[in-house]
mmCIF file of all heavy atoms, coordinates in Angstrom:
data_MODEL
# 
_entry.id   MODEL 
# 
loop_
_atom_site.group_PDB 
_atom_site.id 
_atom_site.type_symbol 
_atom_site.label_atom_id 
_atom_site.label_alt_id 
_atom_site.label_comp_id 
_atom_site.label_asym_id 
_atom_site.label_entity_id 
_atom_site.label_seq_id 
_atom_site.pdbx_PDB_ins_code 
_atom_site.Cartn_x 
_atom_site.Cartn_y 
_atom_site.Cartn_z 
_atom_site.occupancy 
_atom_site.B_iso_or_equiv 
_atom_site.pdbx_formal_charge 
_atom_site.auth_seq_id 
_atom_site.auth_comp_id 
_atom_site.auth_asym_id 
_atom_site.auth_atom_id 
_atom_site.pdbx_PDB_model_num 
ATOM 1   N N   . ILE A 1 1  ? -3.066  -6.039  7.205   1.00 0.00 ? 1  ILE A N   1 
ATOM 2   C CA  . ILE A 1 1  ? -1.967  -5.088  7.113   1.00 0.00 ? 1  ILE A CA  1 
ATOM 3   C C   . ILE A 1 1  ? -2.355  -3.836  7.880   1.00 0.00 ? 1  ILE A C   1 
ATOM 4   O O   . ILE A 1 1  ? -3.407  -3.245  7.624   1.00 0.00 ? 1  ILE A O   1 
ATOM 5   C CB  . ILE A 1 1  ? -1.665  -4.724  5.648   1.00 0.00 ? 1  ILE A CB  1 
ATOM 6   C CG1 . ILE A 1 1  ? -1.190  -5.962  4.876   1.00 0.00 ? 1  ILE A CG1 1 
ATOM 7   C CG2 . ILE A 1 1  ? -0.611  -3.614  5.561   1.00 0.00 ? 1  ILE A CG2 1 
ATOM 8   C CD1 . ILE A 1 1  ? -1.046  -5.739  3.373   1.00 0.00 ? 1  ILE A CD1 1 
ATOM 9   N N   . GLY A 1 2  ? -1.526  -3.436  8.840   1.00 0.00 ? 2  GLY A N   1 
ATOM 10  C CA  . GLY A 1 2  ? -1.787  -2.232  9.629   1.00 0.00 ? 2  GLY A CA  1 
ATOM 11  C C   . GLY A 1 2  ? -0.590  -1.299  9.592   1.00 0.00 ? 2  GLY A C   1 
ATOM 12  O O   . GLY A 1 2  ? 0.554   -1.752  9.472   1.00 0.00 ? 2  GLY A O   1 
ATOM 13  N N   . ALA A 1 3  ? -0.854  0.001   9.655   1.00 0.00 ? 3  ALA A N   1 
ATOM 14  C CA  . ALA A 1 3  ? 0.228   0.995   9.651   1.00 0.00 ? 3  ALA A CA  1 
ATOM 15  C C   . ALA A 1 3  ? -0.296  2.280   10.275  1.00 0.00 ? 3  ALA A C   1 
ATOM 16  O O   . ALA A 1 3  ? -1.463  2.622   10.126  1.00 0.00 ? 3  ALA A O   1 
ATOM 17  C CB  . ALA A 1 3  ? 0.704   1.255   8.226   1.00 0.00 ? 3  ALA A CB  1 
ATOM 18  N N   . VAL A 1 4  ? 0.608   2.999   10.957  1.00 0.00 ? 4  VAL A N   1 
ATOM 19  C CA  . VAL A 1 4  ? 0.182   4.231   11.624  1.00 0.00 ? 4  VAL A CA  1 
ATOM 20  C C   . VAL A 1 4  ? 1.159   5.364   11.333  1.00 0.00 ? 4  VAL A C   1 
ATOM 21  O O   . VAL A 1 4  ? 2.369   5.152   11.231  1.00 0.00 ? 4  VAL A O   1 
ATOM 22  C CB  . VAL A 1 4  ? 0.028   4.009   13.154  1.00 0.00 ? 4  VAL A CB  1 
ATOM 23  C CG1 . VAL A 1 4  ? 1.358   3.672   13.820  1.00 0.00 ? 4  VAL A CG1 1 
ATOM 24  C CG2 . VAL A 1 4  ? -0.624  5.216   13.813  1.00 0.00 ? 4  VAL A CG2 1 
ATOM 25  N N   . CYS A 1 5  ? 0.630   6.575   11.155  1.00 0.00 ? 5  CYS A N   1 
ATOM 26  C CA  . CYS A 1 5  ? 1.370   7.817   10.990  1.00 0.00 ? 5  CYS A CA  1 
ATOM 27  C C   . CYS A 1 5  ? 2.228   7.789   9.723   1.00 0.00 ? 5  CYS A C   1 
ATOM 28  O O   . CYS A 1 5  ? 1.713   7.834   8.620   1.00 0.00 ? 5  CYS A O   1 
ATOM 29  C CB  . CYS A 1 5  ? 2.168   8.123   12.245  1.00 0.00 ? 5  CYS A CB  1 
ATOM 30  S SG  . CYS A 1 5  ? 2.705   9.842   12.350  1.00 0.00 ? 5  CYS A SG  1 
ATOM 31  N N   . HIS A 1 6  ? 3.545   7.694   9.833   1.00 0.00 ? 6  HIS A N   1 
ATOM 32  C CA  . HIS A 1 6  ? 4.392   7.566   8.654   1.00 0.00 ? 6  HIS A CA  1 
ATOM 33  C C   . HIS A 1 6  ? 4.588   6.107   8.239   1.00 0.00 ? 6  HIS A C   1 
ATOM 34  O O   . HIS A 1 6  ? 5.201   5.837   7.207   1.00 0.00 ? 6  HIS A O   1 
ATOM 35  C CB  . HIS A 1 6  ? 5.756   8.214   8.884   1.00 0.00 ? 6  HIS A CB  1 
ATOM 36  C CG  . HIS A 1 6  ? 5.726   9.713   8.900   1.00 0.00 ? 6  HIS A CG  1 
ATOM 37  N ND1 . HIS A 1 6  ? 5.565   10.432  10.063  1.00 0.00 ? 6  HIS A ND1 1 
ATOM 38  C CD2 . HIS A 1 6  ? 5.812   10.630  7.900   1.00 0.00 ? 6  HIS A CD2 1 
ATOM 39  C CE1 . HIS A 1 6  ? 5.562   11.732  9.776   1.00 0.00 ? 6  HIS A CE1 1 
ATOM 40  N NE2 . HIS A 1 6  ? 5.714   11.873  8.473   1.00 0.00 ? 6  HIS A NE2 1 
ATOM 41  N N   . GLY A 1 7  ? 4.080   5.177   9.021   1.00 0.00 ? 7  GLY A N   1 
ATOM 42  C CA  . GLY A 1 7  ? 4.188   3.762   8.655   1.00 0.00 ? 7  GLY A CA  1 
ATOM 43  C C   . GLY A 1 7  ? 3.620   3.445   7.283   1.00 0.00 ? 7  GLY A C   1 
ATOM 44  O O   . GLY A 1 7  ? 4.176   2.614   6.552   1.00 0.00 ? 7  GLY A O   1 
ATOM 45  N N   . PRO A 1 8  ? 2.499   4.101   6.874   1.00 0.00 ? 8  PRO A N   1 
ATOM 46  C CA  . PRO A 1 8  ? 1.967   3.843   5.534   1.00 0.00 ? 8  PRO A CA  1 
ATOM 47  C C   . PRO A 1 8  ? 2.913   4.205   4.402   1.00 0.00 ? 8  PRO A C   1 
ATOM 48  O O   . PRO A 1 8  ? 2.613   3.895   3.240   1.00 0.00 ? 8  PRO A O   1 
ATOM 49  C CB  . PRO A 1 8  ? 0.689   4.705   5.499   1.00 0.00 ? 8  PRO A CB  1 
ATOM 50  C CG  . PRO A 1 8  ? 0.232   4.744   6.932   1.00 0.00 ? 8  PRO A CG  1 
ATOM 51  C CD  . PRO A 1 8  ? 1.523   4.851   7.708   1.00 0.00 ? 8  PRO A CD  1 
ATOM 52  N N   . SER A 1 9  ? 4.054   4.833   4.702   1.00 0.00 ? 9  SER A N   1 
ATOM 53  C CA  . SER A 1 9  ? 5.063   5.047   3.658   1.00 0.00 ? 9  SER A CA  1 
ATOM 54  C C   . SER A 1 9  ? 5.492   3.709   3.066   1.00 0.00 ? 9  SER A C   1 
ATOM 55  O O   . SER A 1 9  ? 5.918   3.640   1.911   1.00 0.00 ? 9  SER A O   1 
ATOM 56  C CB  . SER A 1 9  ? 6.281   5.789   4.222   1.00 0.00 ? 9  SER A CB  1 
ATOM 57  O OG  . SER A 1 9  ? 6.898   5.030   5.256   1.00 0.00 ? 9  SER A OG  1 
ATOM 58  N N   . GLY A 1 10 ? 5.393   2.642   3.857   1.00 0.00 ? 10 GLY A N   1 
ATOM 59  C CA  . GLY A 1 10 ? 5.734   1.320   3.350   1.00 0.00 ? 10 GLY A CA  1 
ATOM 60  C C   . GLY A 1 10 ? 4.745   0.785   2.334   1.00 0.00 ? 10 GLY A C   1 
ATOM 61  O O   . GLY A 1 10 ? 5.038   -0.182  1.630   1.00 0.00 ? 10 GLY A O   1 
ATOM 62  N N   . LEU A 1 11 ? 3.564   1.399   2.261   1.00 0.00 ? 11 LEU A N   1 
ATOM 63  C CA  . LEU A 1 11 ? 2.514   0.908   1.375   1.00 0.00 ? 11 LEU A CA  1 
ATOM 64  C C   . LEU A 1 11 ? 2.509   1.568   0.004   1.00 0.00 ? 11 LEU A C   1 
ATOM 65  O O   . LEU A 1 11 ? 1.893   1.059   -0.928  1.00 0.00 ? 11 LEU A O   1 
ATOM 66  C CB  . LEU A 1 11 ? 1.141   1.132   2.028   1.00 0.00 ? 11 LEU A CB  1 
ATOM 67  C CG  . LEU A 1 11 ? 0.943   0.628   3.463   1.00 0.00 ? 11 LEU A CG  1 
ATOM 68  C CD1 . LEU A 1 11 ? -0.471  0.954   3.934   1.00 0.00 ? 11 LEU A CD1 1 
ATOM 69  C CD2 . LEU A 1 11 ? 1.228   -0.858  3.575   1.00 0.00 ? 11 LEU A CD2 1 
ATOM 70  N N   . VAL A 1 12 ? 3.176   2.718   -0.129  1.00 0.00 ? 12 VAL A N   1 
ATOM 71  C CA  . VAL A 1 12 ? 2.960   3.543   -1.325  1.00 0.00 ? 12 VAL A CA  1 
ATOM 72  C C   . VAL A 1 12 ? 3.407   2.854   -2.620  1.00 0.00 ? 12 VAL A C   1 
ATOM 73  O O   . VAL A 1 12 ? 2.826   3.116   -3.673  1.00 0.00 ? 12 VAL A O   1 
ATOM 74  C CB  . VAL A 1 12 ? 3.634   4.932   -1.197  1.00 0.00 ? 12 VAL A CB  1 
ATOM 75  C CG1 . VAL A 1 12 ? 3.038   5.720   -0.052  1.00 0.00 ? 12 VAL A CG1 1 
ATOM 76  C CG2 . VAL A 1 12 ? 5.137   4.816   -1.046  1.00 0.00 ? 12 VAL A CG2 1 
ATOM 77  N N   . ASN A 1 13 ? 4.407   1.985   -2.550  1.00 0.00 ? 13 ASN A N   1 
ATOM 78  C CA  . ASN A 1 13 ? 4.892   1.327   -3.763  1.00 0.00 ? 13 ASN A CA  1 
ATOM 79  C C   . ASN A 1 13 ? 4.539   -0.152  -3.831  1.00 0.00 ? 13 ASN A C   1 
ATOM 80  O O   . ASN A 1 13 ? 4.993   -0.857  -4.740  1.00 0.00 ? 13 ASN A O   1 
ATOM 81  C CB  . ASN A 1 13 ? 6.405   1.500   -3.894  1.00 0.00 ? 13 ASN A CB  1 
ATOM 82  C CG  . ASN A 1 13 ? 6.786   2.933   -4.219  1.00 0.00 ? 13 ASN A CG  1 
ATOM 83  O OD1 . ASN A 1 13 ? 6.034   3.641   -4.876  1.00 0.00 ? 13 ASN A OD1 1 
ATOM 84  N ND2 . ASN A 1 13 ? 7.947   3.365   -3.744  1.00 0.00 ? 13 ASN A ND2 1 
ATOM 85  N N   . VAL A 1 14 ? 3.714   -0.624  -2.889  1.00 0.00 ? 14 VAL A N   1 
ATOM 86  C CA  . VAL A 1 14 ? 3.320   -2.036  -2.896  1.00 0.00 ? 14 VAL A CA  1 
ATOM 87  C C   . VAL A 1 14 ? 2.223   -2.251  -3.932  1.00 0.00 ? 14 VAL A C   1 
ATOM 88  O O   . VAL A 1 14 ? 1.270   -1.475  -4.014  1.00 0.00 ? 14 VAL A O   1 
ATOM 89  C CB  . VAL A 1 14 ? 2.813   -2.479  -1.514  1.00 0.00 ? 14 VAL A CB  1 
ATOM 90  C CG1 . VAL A 1 14 ? 2.370   -3.941  -1.548  1.00 0.00 ? 14 VAL A CG1 1 
ATOM 91  C CG2 . VAL A 1 14 ? 3.907   -2.299  -0.464  1.00 0.00 ? 14 VAL A CG2 1 
ATOM 92  N N   . THR A 1 15 ? 2.378   -3.307  -4.712  1.00 0.00 ? 15 THR A N   1 
ATOM 93  C CA  . THR A 1 15 ? 1.344   -3.679  -5.668  1.00 0.00 ? 15 THR A CA  1 
ATOM 94  C C   . THR A 1 15 ? 0.962   -5.143  -5.472  1.00 0.00 ? 15 THR A C   1 
ATOM 95  O O   . THR A 1 15 ? 1.726   -5.923  -4.892  1.00 0.00 ? 15 THR A O   1 
ATOM 96  C CB  . THR A 1 15 ? 1.809   -3.505  -7.122  1.00 0.00 ? 15 THR A CB  1 
ATOM 97  O OG1 . THR A 1 15 ? 2.876   -4.440  -7.383  1.00 0.00 ? 15 THR A OG1 1 
ATOM 98  C CG2 . THR A 1 15 ? 2.288   -2.082  -7.390  1.00 0.00 ? 15 THR A CG2 1 
ATOM 99  N N   . TYR A 1 16 ? -0.209  -5.476  -5.981  1.00 0.00 ? 16 TYR A N   1 
ATOM 100 C CA  . TYR A 1 16 ? -0.538  -6.887  -6.138  1.00 0.00 ? 16 TYR A CA  1 
ATOM 101 C C   . TYR A 1 16 ? 0.299   -7.427  -7.296  1.00 0.00 ? 16 TYR A C   1 
ATOM 102 O O   . TYR A 1 16 ? 0.926   -6.673  -8.043  1.00 0.00 ? 16 TYR A O   1 
ATOM 103 C CB  . TYR A 1 16 ? -2.032  -7.055  -6.420  1.00 0.00 ? 16 TYR A CB  1 
ATOM 104 C CG  . TYR A 1 16 ? -2.910  -6.734  -5.233  1.00 0.00 ? 16 TYR A CG  1 
ATOM 105 C CD1 . TYR A 1 16 ? -3.431  -5.453  -5.051  1.00 0.00 ? 16 TYR A CD1 1 
ATOM 106 C CD2 . TYR A 1 16 ? -3.213  -7.720  -4.290  1.00 0.00 ? 16 TYR A CD2 1 
ATOM 107 C CE1 . TYR A 1 16 ? -4.240  -5.158  -3.960  1.00 0.00 ? 16 TYR A CE1 1 
ATOM 108 C CE2 . TYR A 1 16 ? -4.016  -7.438  -3.190  1.00 0.00 ? 16 TYR A CE2 1 
ATOM 109 C CZ  . TYR A 1 16 ? -4.517  -6.152  -3.033  1.00 0.00 ? 16 TYR A CZ  1 
ATOM 110 O OH  . TYR A 1 16 ? -5.304  -5.867  -1.940  1.00 0.00 ? 16 TYR A OH  1 
ATOM 111 N N   . LYS A 1 17 ? 0.279   -8.735  -7.478  1.00 0.00 ? 17 LYS A N   1 
ATOM 112 C CA  . LYS A 1 17 ? 1.123   -9.330  -8.514  1.00 0.00 ? 17 LYS A CA  1 
ATOM 113 C C   . LYS A 1 17 ? 0.736   -8.865  -9.909  1.00 0.00 ? 17 LYS A C   1 
ATOM 114 O O   . LYS A 1 17 ? 1.559   -8.902  -10.832 1.00 0.00 ? 17 LYS A O   1 
ATOM 115 C CB  . LYS A 1 17 ? 1.078   -10.859 -8.413  1.00 0.00 ? 17 LYS A CB  1 
ATOM 116 C CG  . LYS A 1 17 ? 1.813   -11.370 -7.168  1.00 0.00 ? 17 LYS A CG  1 
ATOM 117 C CD  . LYS A 1 17 ? 1.748   -12.869 -7.025  1.00 0.00 ? 17 LYS A CD  1 
ATOM 118 C CE  . LYS A 1 17 ? 2.476   -13.318 -5.769  1.00 0.00 ? 17 LYS A CE  1 
ATOM 119 N NZ  . LYS A 1 17 ? 2.341   -14.771 -5.526  1.00 0.00 ? 17 LYS A NZ  1 
ATOM 120 N N   . ASP A 1 18 ? -0.507  -8.412  -10.078 1.00 0.00 ? 18 ASP A N   1 
ATOM 121 C CA  . ASP A 1 18 ? -0.928  -7.929  -11.393 1.00 0.00 ? 18 ASP A CA  1 
ATOM 122 C C   . ASP A 1 18 ? -0.574  -6.465  -11.623 1.00 0.00 ? 18 ASP A C   1 
ATOM 123 O O   . ASP A 1 18 ? -0.920  -5.885  -12.658 1.00 0.00 ? 18 ASP A O   1 
ATOM 124 C CB  . ASP A 1 18 ? -2.426  -8.151  -11.597 1.00 0.00 ? 18 ASP A CB  1 
ATOM 125 C CG  . ASP A 1 18 ? -3.287  -7.295  -10.672 1.00 0.00 ? 18 ASP A CG  1 
ATOM 126 O OD1 . ASP A 1 18 ? -2.739  -6.470  -9.896  1.00 0.00 ? 18 ASP A OD1 1 
ATOM 127 O OD2 . ASP A 1 18 ? -4.526  -7.443  -10.726 1.00 0.00 ? 18 ASP A OD2 1 
ATOM 128 N N   . GLY A 1 19 ? 0.138   -5.851  -10.641 1.00 0.00 ? 19 GLY A N   1 
ATOM 129 C CA  . GLY A 1 19 ? 0.578   -4.473  -10.789 1.00 0.00 ? 19 GLY A CA  1 
ATOM 130 C C   . GLY A 1 19 ? -0.352  -3.426  -10.201 1.00 0.00 ? 19 GLY A C   1 
ATOM 131 O O   . GLY A 1 19 ? -0.007  -2.235  -10.157 1.00 0.00 ? 19 GLY A O   1 
ATOM 132 N N   . THR A 1 20 ? -1.526  -3.835  -9.717  1.00 0.00 ? 20 THR A N   1 
ATOM 133 C CA  . THR A 1 20 ? -2.456  -2.887  -9.100  1.00 0.00 ? 20 THR A CA  1 
ATOM 134 C C   . THR A 1 20 ? -1.902  -2.394  -7.774  1.00 0.00 ? 20 THR A C   1 
ATOM 135 O O   . THR A 1 20 ? -1.517  -3.214  -6.930  1.00 0.00 ? 20 THR A O   1 
ATOM 136 C CB  . THR A 1 20 ? -3.824  -3.553  -8.854  1.00 0.00 ? 20 THR A CB  1 
ATOM 137 O OG1 . THR A 1 20 ? -4.326  -4.059  -10.077 1.00 0.00 ? 20 THR A OG1 1 
ATOM 138 C CG2 . THR A 1 20 ? -4.809  -2.555  -8.259  1.00 0.00 ? 20 THR A CG2 1 
ATOM 139 N N   . PRO A 1 21 ? -1.851  -1.086  -7.547  1.00 0.00 ? 21 PRO A N   1 
ATOM 140 C CA  . PRO A 1 21 ? -1.370  -0.591  -6.258  1.00 0.00 ? 21 PRO A CA  1 
ATOM 141 C C   . PRO A 1 21 ? -2.217  -1.135  -5.106  1.00 0.00 ? 21 PRO A C   1 
ATOM 142 O O   . PRO A 1 21 ? -3.460  -1.226  -5.227  1.00 0.00 ? 21 PRO A O   1 
ATOM 143 C CB  . PRO A 1 21 ? -1.531  0.926   -6.375  1.00 0.00 ? 21 PRO A CB  1 
ATOM 144 C CG  . PRO A 1 21 ? -1.456  1.202   -7.850  1.00 0.00 ? 21 PRO A CG  1 
ATOM 145 C CD  . PRO A 1 21 ? -2.136  0.027   -8.494  1.00 0.00 ? 21 PRO A CD  1 
ATOM 146 N N   . LEU A 1 22 ? -1.573  -1.502  -4.036  1.00 0.00 ? 22 LEU A N   1 
ATOM 147 C CA  . LEU A 1 22 ? -2.263  -2.033  -2.862  1.00 0.00 ? 22 LEU A CA  1 
ATOM 148 C C   . LEU A 1 22 ? -3.365  -1.094  -2.381  1.00 0.00 ? 22 LEU A C   1 
ATOM 149 O O   . LEU A 1 22 ? -4.457  -1.530  -1.995  1.00 0.00 ? 22 LEU A O   1 
ATOM 150 C CB  . LEU A 1 22 ? -1.253  -2.269  -1.730  1.00 0.00 ? 22 LEU A CB  1 
ATOM 151 C CG  . LEU A 1 22 ? -1.830  -2.559  -0.335  1.00 0.00 ? 22 LEU A CG  1 
ATOM 152 C CD1 . LEU A 1 22 ? -2.591  -3.871  -0.327  1.00 0.00 ? 22 LEU A CD1 1 
ATOM 153 C CD2 . LEU A 1 22 ? -0.726  -2.566  0.708   1.00 0.00 ? 22 LEU A CD2 1 
ATOM 154 N N   . VAL A 1 23 ? -3.083  0.210   -2.399  1.00 0.00 ? 23 VAL A N   1 
ATOM 155 C CA  . VAL A 1 23 ? -4.020  1.164   -1.797  1.00 0.00 ? 23 VAL A CA  1 
ATOM 156 C C   . VAL A 1 23 ? -5.074  1.666   -2.786  1.00 0.00 ? 23 VAL A C   1 
ATOM 157 O O   . VAL A 1 23 ? -5.967  2.426   -2.400  1.00 0.00 ? 23 VAL A O   1 
ATOM 158 C CB  . VAL A 1 23 ? -3.271  2.383   -1.196  1.00 0.00 ? 23 VAL A CB  1 
ATOM 159 C CG1 . VAL A 1 23 ? -2.324  1.926   -0.094  1.00 0.00 ? 23 VAL A CG1 1 
ATOM 160 C CG2 . VAL A 1 23 ? -2.510  3.168   -2.275  1.00 0.00 ? 23 VAL A CG2 1 
ATOM 161 N N   . LYS A 1 24 ? -5.000  1.259   -4.047  1.00 0.00 ? 24 LYS A N   1 
ATOM 162 C CA  . LYS A 1 24 ? -5.949  1.773   -5.034  1.00 0.00 ? 24 LYS A CA  1 
ATOM 163 C C   . LYS A 1 24 ? -7.384  1.417   -4.652  1.00 0.00 ? 24 LYS A C   1 
ATOM 164 O O   . LYS A 1 24 ? -7.719  0.250   -4.428  1.00 0.00 ? 24 LYS A O   1 
ATOM 165 C CB  . LYS A 1 24 ? -5.634  1.209   -6.421  1.00 0.00 ? 24 LYS A CB  1 
ATOM 166 C CG  . LYS A 1 24 ? -6.515  1.801   -7.510  1.00 0.00 ? 24 LYS A CG  1 
ATOM 167 C CD  . LYS A 1 24 ? -6.137  1.276   -8.889  1.00 0.00 ? 24 LYS A CD  1 
ATOM 168 C CE  . LYS A 1 24 ? -7.010  1.915   -9.963  1.00 0.00 ? 24 LYS A CE  1 
ATOM 169 N NZ  . LYS A 1 24 ? -6.641  1.419   -11.311 1.00 0.00 ? 24 LYS A NZ  1 
ATOM 170 N N   . GLY A 1 25 ? -8.220  2.449   -4.552  1.00 0.00 ? 25 GLY A N   1 
ATOM 171 C CA  . GLY A 1 25 ? -9.616  2.230   -4.202  1.00 0.00 ? 25 GLY A CA  1 
ATOM 172 C C   . GLY A 1 25 ? -9.872  1.940   -2.739  1.00 0.00 ? 25 GLY A C   1 
ATOM 173 O O   . GLY A 1 25 ? -11.020 1.738   -2.330  1.00 0.00 ? 25 GLY A O   1 
ATOM 174 N N   . LYS A 1 26 ? -8.814  1.931   -1.930  1.00 0.00 ? 26 LYS A N   1 
ATOM 175 C CA  . LYS A 1 26 ? -8.961  1.639   -0.492  1.00 0.00 ? 26 LYS A CA  1 
ATOM 176 C C   . LYS A 1 26 ? -9.046  2.940   0.300   1.00 0.00 ? 26 LYS A C   1 
ATOM 177 O O   . LYS A 1 26 ? -8.391  3.926   -0.028  1.00 0.00 ? 26 LYS A O   1 
ATOM 178 C CB  . LYS A 1 26 ? -7.760  0.832   0.013   1.00 0.00 ? 26 LYS A CB  1 
ATOM 179 C CG  . LYS A 1 26 ? -7.525  -0.485  -0.710  1.00 0.00 ? 26 LYS A CG  1 
ATOM 180 C CD  . LYS A 1 26 ? -8.510  -1.537  -0.265  1.00 0.00 ? 26 LYS A CD  1 
ATOM 181 C CE  . LYS A 1 26 ? -8.269  -2.856  -0.983  1.00 0.00 ? 26 LYS A CE  1 
ATOM 182 N NZ  . LYS A 1 26 ? -6.933  -3.409  -0.744  1.00 0.00 ? 26 LYS A NZ  1 
# 
């Protein structure tokens, strides 16, 4: 998964299926 500048806005609400935010700890 890649994103640049404001592109990471797409990541802020993404979670794994268990509810953990995609970006947590990253």
